[in-house]
Amino acid sequence: PYRWIASGAVVELVLTTTVTPLDAPDQSVAPL
């Protein structure tokens, strides 16, 4: 672990289905 300083903004979409690191991510990010 290391520390760093950041500042900015992102657009965020709440996921309505269960997605884990084991799942393929493309379908989850497609709507955004």
Full PDB file with SEQRES, HELIX, SHEET, SSBOND, CRYST1, ORIGX, SCALE, CONECT and MASTER records, all heavy atoms in Angstrom:
SEQRES   1 A   32  PRO TYR ARG TRP ILE ALA SER GLY ALA VAL VAL GLU LEU          
SEQRES   2 A   32  VAL LEU THR THR THR VAL THR PRO LEU ASP ALA PRO ASP          
SEQRES   3 A   32  GLN SER VAL ALA PRO LEU                                      
HELIX    1 AA1 ASP A   26  VAL A   29  1                                   4    
CRYST1    1.000    1.000    1.000  90.00  90.00  90.00 P 1           1          
ORIGX1      1.000000  0.000000  0.000000        0.00000                         
ORIGX2      0.000000  1.000000  0.000000        0.00000                         
ORIGX3      0.000000  0.000000  1.000000        0.00000                         
SCALE1      1.000000  0.000000  0.000000        0.00000                         
SCALE2      0.000000  1.000000  0.000000        0.00000                         
SCALE3      0.000000  0.000000  1.000000        0.00000                         
ATOM      1  N   PRO A   1       0.818  -1.217   0.000  1.00  0.00           N  
ATOM      2  CA  PRO A   1       0.000   0.000   0.000  1.00  0.00           C  
ATOM      3  C   PRO A   1       0.854   1.270   0.000  1.00  0.00           C  
ATOM      4  O   PRO A   1       1.902   1.332   0.637  1.00  0.00           O  
ATOM      5  CB  PRO A   1      -0.803  -0.115   1.305  1.00  0.00           C  
ATOM      6  CG  PRO A   1      -0.807  -1.585   1.615  1.00  0.00           C  
ATOM      7  CD  PRO A   1       0.514  -2.089   1.148  1.00  0.00           C  
ATOM      8  N   TYR A   2       0.387   2.263  -0.732  1.00  0.00           N  
ATOM      9  CA  TYR A   2       1.050   3.571  -0.768  1.00  0.00           C  
ATOM     10  C   TYR A   2      -0.018   4.651  -0.820  1.00  0.00           C  
ATOM     11  O   TYR A   2      -1.164   4.403  -1.179  1.00  0.00           O  
ATOM     12  CB  TYR A   2       1.980   3.677  -1.980  1.00  0.00           C  
ATOM     13  CG  TYR A   2       1.271   3.808  -3.303  1.00  0.00           C  
ATOM     14  CD1 TYR A   2       1.099   5.049  -3.912  1.00  0.00           C  
ATOM     15  CD2 TYR A   2       0.758   2.680  -3.949  1.00  0.00           C  
ATOM     16  CE1 TYR A   2       0.442   5.170  -5.121  1.00  0.00           C  
ATOM     17  CE2 TYR A   2       0.098   2.796  -5.162  1.00  0.00           C  
ATOM     18  CZ  TYR A   2      -0.055   4.044  -5.748  1.00  0.00           C  
ATOM     19  OH  TYR A   2      -0.724   4.157  -6.939  1.00  0.00           O  
ATOM     20  N   ARG A   3       0.367   5.863  -0.472  1.00  0.00           N  
ATOM     21  CA  ARG A   3      -0.569   6.976  -0.422  1.00  0.00           C  
ATOM     22  C   ARG A   3      -0.354   7.907  -1.614  1.00  0.00           C  
ATOM     23  O   ARG A   3       0.773   8.076  -2.074  1.00  0.00           O  
ATOM     24  CB  ARG A   3      -0.399   7.774   0.877  1.00  0.00           C  
ATOM     25  CG  ARG A   3      -0.613   6.957   2.131  1.00  0.00           C  
ATOM     26  CD  ARG A   3      -0.530   7.847   3.360  1.00  0.00           C  
ATOM     27  NE  ARG A   3      -0.651   7.056   4.599  1.00  0.00           N  
ATOM     28  CZ  ARG A   3      -1.070   7.540   5.751  1.00  0.00           C  
ATOM     29  NH1 ARG A   3      -1.437   8.809   5.845  1.00  0.00           N  
ATOM     30  NH2 ARG A   3      -1.143   6.777   6.818  1.00  0.00           N  
ATOM     31  N   TRP A   4      -1.437   8.496  -2.071  1.00  0.00           N  
ATOM     32  CA  TRP A   4      -1.336   9.501  -3.130  1.00  0.00           C  
ATOM     33  C   TRP A   4      -2.535  10.442  -3.022  1.00  0.00           C  
ATOM     34  O   TRP A   4      -3.557  10.109  -2.431  1.00  0.00           O  
ATOM     35  CB  TRP A   4      -1.269   8.851  -4.513  1.00  0.00           C  
ATOM     36  CG  TRP A   4      -2.471   8.020  -4.880  1.00  0.00           C  
ATOM     37  CD1 TRP A   4      -2.823   6.822  -4.349  1.00  0.00           C  
ATOM     38  CD2 TRP A   4      -3.461   8.326  -5.855  1.00  0.00           C  
ATOM     39  NE1 TRP A   4      -3.981   6.357  -4.930  1.00  0.00           N  
ATOM     40  CE2 TRP A   4      -4.399   7.251  -5.864  1.00  0.00           C  
ATOM     41  CE3 TRP A   4      -3.663   9.385  -6.735  1.00  0.00           C  
ATOM     42  CZ2 TRP A   4      -5.498   7.231  -6.714  1.00  0.00           C  
ATOM     43  CZ3 TRP A   4      -4.766   9.356  -7.588  1.00  0.00           C  
ATOM     44  CH2 TRP A   4      -5.662   8.283  -7.572  1.00  0.00           C  
ATOM     45  N   ILE A   5      -2.396  11.633  -3.584  1.00  0.00           N  
ATOM     46  CA  ILE A   5      -3.438  12.667  -3.506  1.00  0.00           C  
ATOM     47  C   ILE A   5      -4.145  12.767  -4.849  1.00  0.00           C  
ATOM     48  O   ILE A   5      -3.500  12.784  -5.905  1.00  0.00           O  
ATOM     49  CB  ILE A   5      -2.832  14.023  -3.116  1.00  0.00           C  
ATOM     50  CG1 ILE A   5      -2.201  13.922  -1.718  1.00  0.00           C  
ATOM     51  CG2 ILE A   5      -3.882  15.130  -3.129  1.00  0.00           C  
ATOM     52  CD1 ILE A   5      -1.462  15.174  -1.298  1.00  0.00           C  
ATOM     53  N   ALA A   6      -5.472  12.809  -4.819  1.00  0.00           N  
ATOM     54  CA  ALA A   6      -6.256  12.859  -6.045  1.00  0.00           C  
ATOM     55  C   ALA A   6      -7.381  13.862  -5.911  1.00  0.00           C  
ATOM     56  O   ALA A   6      -7.838  14.182  -4.810  1.00  0.00           O  
ATOM     57  CB  ALA A   6      -6.827  11.477  -6.374  1.00  0.00           C  
ATOM     58  N   SER A   7      -7.839  14.354  -7.058  1.00  0.00           N  
ATOM     59  CA  SER A   7      -8.971  15.281  -7.093  1.00  0.00           C  
ATOM     60  C   SER A   7      -9.633  15.155  -8.451  1.00  0.00           C  
ATOM     61  O   SER A   7      -8.948  15.136  -9.482  1.00  0.00           O  
ATOM     62  CB  SER A   7      -8.498  16.723  -6.866  1.00  0.00           C  
ATOM     63  OG  SER A   7      -9.578  17.625  -6.995  1.00  0.00           O  
ATOM     64  N   GLY A   8     -10.951  15.044  -8.469  1.00  0.00           N  
ATOM     65  CA  GLY A   8     -11.640  14.920  -9.746  1.00  0.00           C  
ATOM     66  C   GLY A   8     -13.096  14.547  -9.562  1.00  0.00           C  
ATOM     67  O   GLY A   8     -13.680  14.750  -8.487  1.00  0.00           O  
ATOM     68  N   ALA A   9     -13.674  13.989 -10.616  1.00  0.00           N  
ATOM     69  CA  ALA A   9     -15.073  13.577 -10.581  1.00  0.00           C  
ATOM     70  C   ALA A   9     -15.273  12.435 -11.555  1.00  0.00           C  
ATOM     71  O   ALA A   9     -14.577  12.333 -12.567  1.00  0.00           O  
ATOM     72  CB  ALA A   9     -16.001  14.739 -10.931  1.00  0.00           C  
ATOM     73  N   VAL A  10     -16.206  11.570 -11.244  1.00  0.00           N  
ATOM     74  CA  VAL A  10     -16.563  10.461 -12.122  1.00  0.00           C  
ATOM     75  C   VAL A  10     -18.077  10.390 -12.230  1.00  0.00           C  
ATOM     76  O   VAL A  10     -18.796  10.909 -11.375  1.00  0.00           O  
ATOM     77  CB  VAL A  10     -16.022   9.101 -11.603  1.00  0.00           C  
ATOM     78  CG1 VAL A  10     -14.503   9.086 -11.574  1.00  0.00           C  
ATOM     79  CG2 VAL A  10     -16.600   8.783 -10.226  1.00  0.00           C  
ATOM     80  N   VAL A  11     -18.557   9.753 -13.290  1.00  0.00           N  
ATOM     81  CA  VAL A  11     -19.980   9.437 -13.390  1.00  0.00           C  
ATOM     82  C   VAL A  11     -20.154   7.980 -12.988  1.00  0.00           C  
ATOM     83  O   VAL A  11     -19.362   7.124 -13.355  1.00  0.00           O  
ATOM     84  CB  VAL A  11     -20.522   9.681 -14.813  1.00  0.00           C  
ATOM     85  CG1 VAL A  11     -20.635  11.154 -15.103  1.00  0.00           C  
ATOM     86  CG2 VAL A  11     -19.662   9.000 -15.858  1.00  0.00           C  
ATOM     87  N   GLU A  12     -21.175   7.727 -12.234  1.00  0.00           N  
ATOM     88  CA  GLU A  12     -21.335   6.439 -11.580  1.00  0.00           C  
ATOM     89  C   GLU A  12     -22.709   5.854 -11.890  1.00  0.00           C  
ATOM     90  O   GLU A  12     -23.715   6.570 -11.872  1.00  0.00           O  
ATOM     91  CB  GLU A  12     -21.186   6.639 -10.067  1.00  0.00           C  
ATOM     92  CG  GLU A  12     -20.634   5.462  -9.318  1.00  0.00           C  
ATOM     93  CD  GLU A  12     -20.229   5.872  -7.904  1.00  0.00           C  
ATOM     94  OE1 GLU A  12     -20.918   6.715  -7.300  1.00  0.00           O  
ATOM     95  OE2 GLU A  12     -19.227   5.348  -7.410  1.00  0.00           O  
ATOM     96  N   LEU A  13     -22.738   4.574 -12.176  1.00  0.00           N  
ATOM     97  CA  LEU A  13     -23.985   3.858 -12.442  1.00  0.00           C  
ATOM     98  C   LEU A  13     -24.116   2.726 -11.434  1.00  0.00           C  
ATOM     99  O   LEU A  13     -23.220   1.876 -11.309  1.00  0.00           O  
ATOM    100  CB  LEU A  13     -23.978   3.300 -13.865  1.00  0.00           C  
ATOM    101  CG  LEU A  13     -25.167   2.403 -14.246  1.00  0.00           C  
ATOM    102  CD1 LEU A  13     -26.452   3.223 -14.265  1.00  0.00           C  
ATOM    103  CD2 LEU A  13     -24.935   1.742 -15.602  1.00  0.00           C  
ATOM    104  N   VAL A  14     -25.222   2.700 -10.704  1.00  0.00           N  
ATOM    105  CA  VAL A  14     -25.466   1.632  -9.729  1.00  0.00           C  
ATOM    106  C   VAL A  14     -25.795   0.348 -10.474  1.00  0.00           C  
ATOM    107  O   VAL A  14     -26.636   0.336 -11.384  1.00  0.00           O  
ATOM    108  CB  VAL A  14     -26.617   2.020  -8.780  1.00  0.00           C  
ATOM    109  CG1 VAL A  14     -26.946   0.868  -7.838  1.00  0.00           C  
ATOM    110  CG2 VAL A  14     -26.256   3.270  -7.985  1.00  0.00           C  
ATOM    111  N   LEU A  15     -25.130  -0.727 -10.096  1.00  0.00           N  
ATOM    112  CA  LEU A  15     -25.372  -2.022 -10.734  1.00  0.00           C  
ATOM    113  C   LEU A  15     -26.595  -2.688 -10.114  1.00  0.00           C  
ATOM    114  O   LEU A  15     -26.774  -2.682  -8.893  1.00  0.00           O  
ATOM    115  CB  LEU A  15     -24.145  -2.924 -10.571  1.00  0.00           C  
ATOM    116  CG  LEU A  15     -22.857  -2.399 -11.206  1.00  0.00           C  
ATOM    117  CD1 LEU A  15     -21.688  -3.337 -10.915  1.00  0.00           C  
ATOM    118  CD2 LEU A  15     -23.031  -2.229 -12.714  1.00  0.00           C  
ATOM    119  N   THR A  16     -27.426  -3.264 -10.957  1.00  0.00           N  
ATOM    120  CA  THR A  16     -28.664  -3.889 -10.487  1.00  0.00           C  
ATOM    121  C   THR A  16     -28.569  -5.410 -10.487  1.00  0.00           C  
ATOM    122  O   THR A  16     -29.511  -6.082 -10.075  1.00  0.00           O  
ATOM    123  CB  THR A  16     -29.848  -3.449 -11.361  1.00  0.00           C  
ATOM    124  OG1 THR A  16     -29.564  -3.786 -12.732  1.00  0.00           O  
ATOM    125  CG2 THR A  16     -30.069  -1.943 -11.248  1.00  0.00           C  
ATOM    126  N   THR A  17     -27.444  -5.936 -10.948  1.00  0.00           N  
ATOM    127  CA  THR A  17     -27.227  -7.390 -10.936  1.00  0.00           C  
ATOM    128  C   THR A  17     -25.951  -7.695 -10.166  1.00  0.00           C  
ATOM    129  O   THR A  17     -25.106  -6.824  -9.969  1.00  0.00           O  
ATOM    130  CB  THR A  17     -27.102  -7.946 -12.364  1.00  0.00           C  
ATOM    131  OG1 THR A  17     -26.013  -7.296 -13.042  1.00  0.00           O  
ATOM    132  CG2 THR A  17     -28.396  -7.713 -13.146  1.00  0.00           C  
ATOM    133  N   THR A  18     -25.820  -8.930  -9.718  1.00  0.00           N  
ATOM    134  CA  THR A  18     -24.638  -9.330  -8.955  1.00  0.00           C  
ATOM    135  C   THR A  18     -23.448  -9.530  -9.890  1.00  0.00           C  
ATOM    136  O   THR A  18     -23.506 -10.332 -10.825  1.00  0.00           O  
ATOM    137  CB  THR A  18     -24.908 -10.628  -8.185  1.00  0.00           C  
ATOM    138  OG1 THR A  18     -26.002 -10.424  -7.284  1.00  0.00           O  
ATOM    139  CG2 THR A  18     -23.674 -11.061  -7.401  1.00  0.00           C  
ATOM    140  N   VAL A  19     -22.380  -8.795  -9.628  1.00  0.00           N  
ATOM    141  CA  VAL A  19     -21.149  -8.884 -10.417  1.00  0.00           C  
ATOM    142  C   VAL A  19     -19.982  -8.961  -9.443  1.00  0.00           C  
ATOM    143  O   VAL A  19     -19.890  -8.166  -8.505  1.00  0.00           O  
ATOM    144  CB  VAL A  19     -20.966  -7.664 -11.345  1.00  0.00           C  
ATOM    145  CG1 VAL A  19     -19.758  -7.873 -12.248  1.00  0.00           C  
ATOM    146  CG2 VAL A  19     -22.209  -7.412 -12.167  1.00  0.00           C  
ATOM    147  N   THR A  20     -19.096  -9.916  -9.658  1.00  0.00           N  
ATOM    148  CA  THR A  20     -17.922 -10.105  -8.808  1.00  0.00           C  
ATOM    149  C   THR A  20     -16.657 -10.044  -9.666  1.00  0.00           C  
ATOM    150  O   THR A  20     -16.743 -10.042 -10.904  1.00  0.00           O  
ATOM    151  CB  THR A  20     -17.985 -11.472  -8.102  1.00  0.00           C  
ATOM    152  OG1 THR A  20     -17.602 -12.507  -9.035  1.00  0.00           O  
ATOM    153  CG2 THR A  20     -19.383 -11.765  -7.560  1.00  0.00           C  
ATOM    154  N   PRO A  21     -15.477 -10.012  -9.058  1.00  0.00           N  
ATOM    155  CA  PRO A  21     -14.241 -10.043  -9.834  1.00  0.00           C  
ATOM    156  C   PRO A  21     -14.071 -11.306 -10.666  1.00  0.00           C  
ATOM    157  O   PRO A  21     -13.231 -11.341 -11.575  1.00  0.00           O  
ATOM    158  CB  PRO A  21     -13.146  -9.952  -8.752  1.00  0.00           C  
ATOM    159  CG  PRO A  21     -13.806  -9.246  -7.617  1.00  0.00           C  
ATOM    160  CD  PRO A  21     -15.219  -9.744  -7.620  1.00  0.00           C  
ATOM    161  N   LEU A  22     -14.865 -12.331 -10.387  1.00  0.00           N  
ATOM    162  CA  LEU A  22     -14.794 -13.574 -11.154  1.00  0.00           C  
ATOM    163  C   LEU A  22     -15.587 -13.499 -12.458  1.00  0.00           C  
ATOM    164  O   LEU A  22     -15.453 -14.366 -13.315  1.00  0.00           O  
ATOM    165  CB  LEU A  22     -15.305 -14.742 -10.307  1.00  0.00           C  
ATOM    166  CG  LEU A  22     -14.490 -15.078  -9.055  1.00  0.00           C  
ATOM    167  CD1 LEU A  22     -15.218 -16.124  -8.219  1.00  0.00           C  
ATOM    168  CD2 LEU A  22     -13.100 -15.575  -9.447  1.00  0.00           C  
ATOM    169  N   ASP A  23     -16.432 -12.480 -12.596  1.00  0.00           N  
ATOM    170  CA  ASP A  23     -17.309 -12.375 -13.757  1.00  0.00           C  
ATOM    171  C   ASP A  23     -16.676 -11.518 -14.851  1.00  0.00           C  
ATOM    172  O   ASP A  23     -15.883 -10.603 -14.574  1.00  0.00           O  
ATOM    173  CB  ASP A  23     -18.657 -11.758 -13.360  1.00  0.00           C  
ATOM    174  CG  ASP A  23     -19.389 -12.597 -12.331  1.00  0.00           C  
ATOM    175  OD1 ASP A  23     -19.419 -13.826 -12.502  1.00  0.00           O  
ATOM    176  OD2 ASP A  23     -19.909 -12.026 -11.348  1.00  0.00           O  
ATOM    177  N   ALA A  24     -17.051 -11.797 -16.107  1.00  0.00           N  
ATOM    178  CA  ALA A  24     -16.638 -10.942 -17.222  1.00  0.00           C  
ATOM    179  C   ALA A  24     -17.308  -9.587 -17.053  1.00  0.00           C  
ATOM    180  O   ALA A  24     -18.524  -9.513 -16.851  1.00  0.00           O  
ATOM    181  CB  ALA A  24     -17.016 -11.579 -18.550  1.00  0.00           C  
ATOM    182  N   PRO A  25     -16.556  -8.485 -17.132  1.00  0.00           N  
ATOM    183  CA  PRO A  25     -17.116  -7.178 -16.778  1.00  0.00           C  
ATOM    184  C   PRO A  25     -17.856  -6.458 -17.893  1.00  0.00           C  
ATOM    185  O   PRO A  25     -18.587  -5.501 -17.627  1.00  0.00           O  
ATOM    186  CB  PRO A  25     -15.881  -6.379 -16.377  1.00  0.00           C  
ATOM    187  CG  PRO A  25     -14.799  -6.946 -17.240  1.00  0.00           C  
ATOM    188  CD  PRO A  25     -15.111  -8.417 -17.381  1.00  0.00           C  
ATOM    189  N   ASP A  26     -17.698  -6.875 -19.133  1.00  0.00           N  
ATOM    190  CA  ASP A  26     -18.172  -6.074 -20.258  1.00  0.00           C  
ATOM    191  C   ASP A  26     -19.668  -5.800 -20.218  1.00  0.00           C  
ATOM    192  O   ASP A  26     -20.120  -4.681 -20.488  1.00  0.00           O  
ATOM    193  CB  ASP A  26     -17.797  -6.752 -21.576  1.00  0.00           C  
ATOM    194  CG  ASP A  26     -16.297  -6.842 -21.755  1.00  0.00           C  
ATOM    195  OD1 ASP A  26     -15.705  -5.912 -22.314  1.00  0.00           O  
ATOM    196  OD2 ASP A  26     -15.713  -7.845 -21.303  1.00  0.00           O  
ATOM    197  N   GLN A  27     -20.461  -6.804 -19.898  1.00  0.00           N  
ATOM    198  CA  GLN A  27     -21.910  -6.607 -19.878  1.00  0.00           C  
ATOM    199  C   GLN A  27     -22.311  -5.618 -18.788  1.00  0.00           C  
ATOM    200  O   GLN A  27     -23.269  -4.854 -18.949  1.00  0.00           O  
ATOM    201  CB  GLN A  27     -22.611  -7.946 -19.662  1.00  0.00           C  
ATOM    202  CG  GLN A  27     -24.136  -7.850 -19.753  1.00  0.00           C  
ATOM    203  CD  GLN A  27     -24.811  -9.217 -19.695  1.00  0.00           C  
ATOM    204  OE1 GLN A  27     -24.129 -10.254 -19.718  1.00  0.00           O  
ATOM    205  NE2 GLN A  27     -26.117  -9.232 -19.635  1.00  0.00           N  
ATOM    206  N   SER A  28     -21.551  -5.573 -17.708  1.00  0.00           N  
ATOM    207  CA  SER A  28     -21.876  -4.678 -16.594  1.00  0.00           C  
ATOM    208  C   SER A  28     -21.585  -3.227 -16.927  1.00  0.00           C  
ATOM    209  O   SER A  28     -22.320  -2.321 -16.512  1.00  0.00           O  
ATOM    210  CB  SER A  28     -21.080  -5.083 -15.349  1.00  0.00           C  
ATOM    211  OG  SER A  28     -21.330  -6.435 -15.025  1.00  0.00           O  
ATOM    212  N   VAL A  29     -20.518  -2.985 -17.665  1.00  0.00           N  
ATOM    213  CA  VAL A  29     -20.141  -1.603 -17.978  1.00  0.00           C  
ATOM    214  C   VAL A  29     -20.820  -1.102 -19.242  1.00  0.00           C  
ATOM    215  O   VAL A  29     -20.800   0.102 -19.520  1.00  0.00           O  
ATOM    216  CB  VAL A  29     -18.613  -1.461 -18.121  1.00  0.00           C  
ATOM    217  CG1 VAL A  29     -17.915  -1.923 -16.850  1.00  0.00           C  
ATOM    218  CG2 VAL A  29     -18.094  -2.238 -19.321  1.00  0.00           C  
ATOM    219  N   ALA A  30     -21.437  -1.996 -20.010  1.00  0.00           N  
ATOM    220  CA  ALA A  30     -22.024  -1.616 -21.300  1.00  0.00           C  
ATOM    221  C   ALA A  30     -23.067  -0.499 -21.201  1.00  0.00           C  
ATOM    222  O   ALA A  30     -23.054   0.420 -22.015  1.00  0.00           O  
ATOM    223  CB  ALA A  30     -22.618  -2.843 -21.991  1.00  0.00           C  
ATOM    224  N   PRO A  31     -24.023  -0.544 -20.229  1.00  0.00           N  
ATOM    225  CA  PRO A  31     -25.028   0.536 -20.179  1.00  0.00           C  
ATOM    226  C   PRO A  31     -24.412   1.925 -20.009  1.00  0.00           C  
ATOM    227  O   PRO A  31     -24.861   2.879 -20.639  1.00  0.00           O  
ATOM    228  CB  PRO A  31     -25.885   0.146 -18.971  1.00  0.00           C  
ATOM    229  CG  PRO A  31     -25.742  -1.335 -18.859  1.00  0.00           C  
ATOM    230  CD  PRO A  31     -24.327  -1.607 -19.247  1.00  0.00           C  
ATOM    231  N   LEU A  32     -23.387   2.049 -19.162  1.00  0.00           N  
ATOM    232  CA  LEU A  32     -22.747   3.347 -18.974  1.00  0.00           C  
ATOM    233  C   LEU A  32     -21.982   3.753 -20.235  1.00  0.00           C  
ATOM    234  O   LEU A  32     -22.027   4.910 -20.656  1.00  0.00           O  
ATOM    235  CB  LEU A  32     -21.809   3.308 -17.766  1.00  0.00           C  
ATOM    236  CG  LEU A  32     -21.152   4.638 -17.377  1.00  0.00           C  
ATOM    237  CD1 LEU A  32     -22.194   5.716 -17.141  1.00  0.00           C  
ATOM    238  CD2 LEU A  32     -20.273   4.461 -16.138  1.00  0.00           C  
TER     239      LEU A  32                                                      
MASTER        0    0    0    1    0    0    0    6  238    1    0    3          
END                                                                             
